[in-house]
């Protein structure tokens, strides 16, 4: 009885994955919602129409409709350190250069390293530009980089 139940479950899962893979990319993403490292990235006004829109990224292994899933996952792995949130906002009271990096904005939500993510990004000052640039290629490279 257990073996038959497992066989039916495996058949149903295979059918679901096959139909999801042939459907739109976001339907494929929905089939894997339970996966540990899953991010939905929405980018606007980045200066590159090819980089704008909403993408789904999976890591470990890299997949999804993000333009560069392997590079994005590798970049996130590099900035992920125990006890430090790579998506954390700029600390309140931080002094930032009054440099404007353009109208680009991004919203990243999902789960990374077992923790929920709901982060907004922009390039309105030097601190925000540095924060954005630290997550390239998850976020697209823009024309103006952060001050050193």
Protein backbone atom coordinates (compact mmCIF):
# COMPACT_ATOMS: atom_id res chain seq x y z
CA UNK A 1 0.00 0.00 0.00
CA UNK A 2 2.83 2.45 0.91
CA UNK A 3 4.71 1.71 -2.32
CA UNK A 4 1.58 2.28 -4.42
CA UNK A 5 0.90 5.58 -2.63
CA UNK A 6 4.50 6.70 -3.23
CA UNK A 7 4.26 5.72 -6.90
CA UNK A 8 1.04 7.71 -7.31
CA UNK A 9 2.61 10.71 -5.56
CA UNK A 10 5.71 10.50 -7.79
CA UNK A 11 3.53 10.27 -10.90
CA UNK A 12 1.47 13.28 -9.84
CA UNK A 13 4.61 15.30 -9.05
CA UNK A 14 6.17 14.41 -12.41
CA UNK A 15 2.98 15.46 -14.18
CA UNK A 16 2.89 18.75 -12.27
CA UNK A 17 6.51 19.54 -13.04
CA UNK A 18 6.14 18.64 -16.72
CA UNK A 19 3.09 20.86 -17.14
CA UNK A 20 4.70 23.67 -15.15
CA UNK A 21 7.90 23.53 -17.19
CA UNK A 22 5.99 23.87 -20.46
CA UNK A 23 3.85 26.74 -19.13
CA UNK A 24 4.89 30.34 -18.55
CA UNK A 25 8.06 30.86 -16.47
CA UNK A 26 6.08 32.11 -13.48
CA UNK A 27 3.92 28.98 -13.56
CA UNK A 28 7.16 27.00 -13.31
CA UNK A 29 8.13 29.17 -10.35
CA UNK A 30 4.84 28.46 -8.61
CA UNK A 31 5.50 24.72 -8.80
CA UNK A 32 8.59 25.24 -6.63
CA UNK A 33 7.25 27.66 -4.03
CA UNK A 34 8.39 25.44 -1.18
CA UNK A 35 12.03 25.57 -2.25
CA UNK A 36 14.38 27.12 0.32
CA UNK A 37 16.14 29.84 -1.69
CA UNK A 38 13.51 31.56 -3.85
CA UNK A 39 13.45 35.27 -4.64
CA UNK A 40 11.12 37.37 -6.75
CA UNK A 41 12.93 40.45 -8.07
CA UNK A 42 11.10 43.42 -9.59
CA UNK A 43 13.22 46.11 -11.24
CA UNK A 44 12.03 49.46 -12.65
CA UNK A 45 13.71 52.46 -14.30
CA UNK A 46 17.18 50.87 -14.32
CA UNK A 47 18.11 52.41 -17.65
CA UNK A 48 18.05 49.02 -19.39
CA UNK A 49 14.71 47.78 -20.65
CA UNK A 50 16.23 44.28 -20.89
CA UNK A 51 16.78 44.30 -17.11
CA UNK A 52 13.38 45.62 -16.12
CA UNK A 53 10.44 43.54 -15.06
CA UNK A 54 9.77 40.79 -12.55
CA UNK A 55 11.97 37.70 -12.32
CA UNK A 56 11.98 34.58 -10.21
CA UNK A 57 15.32 33.25 -8.99
CA UNK A 58 16.03 29.90 -7.35
CA UNK A 59 19.41 28.97 -5.94
CA UNK A 60 20.97 25.67 -4.95
CA UNK A 61 20.68 24.79 -7.82
CA UNK A 62 20.31 28.01 -9.84
CA UNK A 63 17.14 28.25 -11.92
CA UNK A 64 14.28 30.56 -12.79
CA UNK A 65 13.72 33.29 -15.34
CA UNK A 66 16.22 35.78 -13.89
CA UNK A 67 18.52 36.96 -16.75
CA UNK A 68 21.65 35.54 -15.03
CA UNK A 69 20.57 32.95 -12.44
CA UNK A 70 23.98 31.33 -11.84
CA UNK A 71 25.78 34.67 -11.47
CA UNK A 72 23.01 36.06 -9.23
CA UNK A 73 23.13 33.01 -6.95
CA UNK A 74 26.94 33.06 -6.81
CA UNK A 75 26.89 36.78 -5.97
CA UNK A 76 24.35 36.25 -3.20
CA UNK A 77 26.42 33.39 -1.78
CA UNK A 78 29.46 35.72 -1.68
CA UNK A 79 27.68 38.41 0.34
CA UNK A 80 25.85 36.04 2.66
CA UNK A 81 27.61 35.86 6.02
CA UNK A 82 26.39 34.29 9.24
CA UNK A 83 24.63 36.93 11.34
CA UNK A 84 24.52 39.54 8.55
CA UNK A 85 21.49 40.24 6.35
CA UNK A 86 22.58 41.00 2.77
CA UNK A 87 19.18 42.67 2.18
CA UNK A 88 19.24 44.89 5.28
CA UNK A 89 18.30 48.54 4.80
CA UNK A 90 20.77 51.34 5.44
CA UNK A 91 21.02 51.83 9.19
CA UNK A 92 19.05 54.83 10.42
CA UNK A 93 21.32 57.80 11.12
CA UNK A 94 24.02 56.70 8.66
CA UNK A 95 25.70 59.63 6.92
CA UNK A 96 25.52 59.19 3.17
CA UNK A 97 26.93 61.17 0.28
CA UNK A 98 24.32 63.29 -1.42
CA UNK A 99 24.97 61.66 -4.76
CA UNK A 100 22.03 60.70 -6.94
CA UNK A 101 22.36 57.41 -8.80
CA UNK A 102 19.25 57.66 -10.95
CA UNK A 103 15.60 56.63 -10.69
CA UNK A 104 16.19 52.85 -10.57
CA UNK A 105 14.22 50.92 -7.99
CA UNK A 106 13.88 47.27 -7.08
CA UNK A 107 11.85 45.09 -4.76
CA UNK A 108 13.18 41.70 -3.65
CA UNK A 109 10.92 39.30 -1.78
CA UNK A 110 10.97 35.63 -0.95
CA UNK A 111 13.27 33.45 1.15
CA UNK A 112 17.06 33.48 1.29
CA UNK A 113 19.17 31.25 3.59
CA UNK A 114 16.00 30.21 5.42
CA UNK A 115 14.96 33.79 6.23
CA UNK A 116 12.14 35.85 4.75
CA UNK A 117 13.13 38.72 2.47
CA UNK A 118 11.07 41.82 1.70
CA UNK A 119 13.52 44.55 0.70
CA UNK A 120 13.26 47.72 -1.35
CA UNK A 121 16.21 49.25 -3.17
CA UNK A 122 16.85 52.59 -4.87
CA UNK A 123 19.82 54.75 -5.82
CA UNK A 124 18.89 58.04 -4.15
CA UNK A 125 22.19 58.54 -2.26
CA UNK A 126 25.65 57.06 -1.88
CA UNK A 127 24.61 54.55 0.79
CA UNK A 128 21.70 53.24 -1.28
CA UNK A 129 23.91 53.05 -4.36
CA UNK A 130 26.50 51.01 -2.45
CA UNK A 131 23.75 48.73 -1.10
CA UNK A 132 22.40 48.20 -4.65
CA UNK A 133 25.86 47.60 -6.14
CA UNK A 134 26.62 44.96 -3.48
CA UNK A 135 23.79 42.85 -4.94
CA UNK A 136 24.80 43.05 -8.61
CA UNK A 137 24.12 40.76 -10.54
CA UNK A 138 20.93 39.95 -8.61
CA UNK A 139 20.08 43.58 -9.36
CA UNK A 140 21.17 45.01 -12.73
CA UNK A 141 24.26 47.14 -13.09
CA UNK A 142 23.32 50.77 -13.71
CA UNK A 143 25.25 53.63 -15.30
CA UNK A 144 26.37 55.17 -12.01
CA UNK A 145 28.30 53.15 -9.45
CA UNK A 146 28.52 53.86 -5.73
CA UNK A 147 31.27 56.08 -4.32
CA UNK A 148 34.25 54.23 -2.88
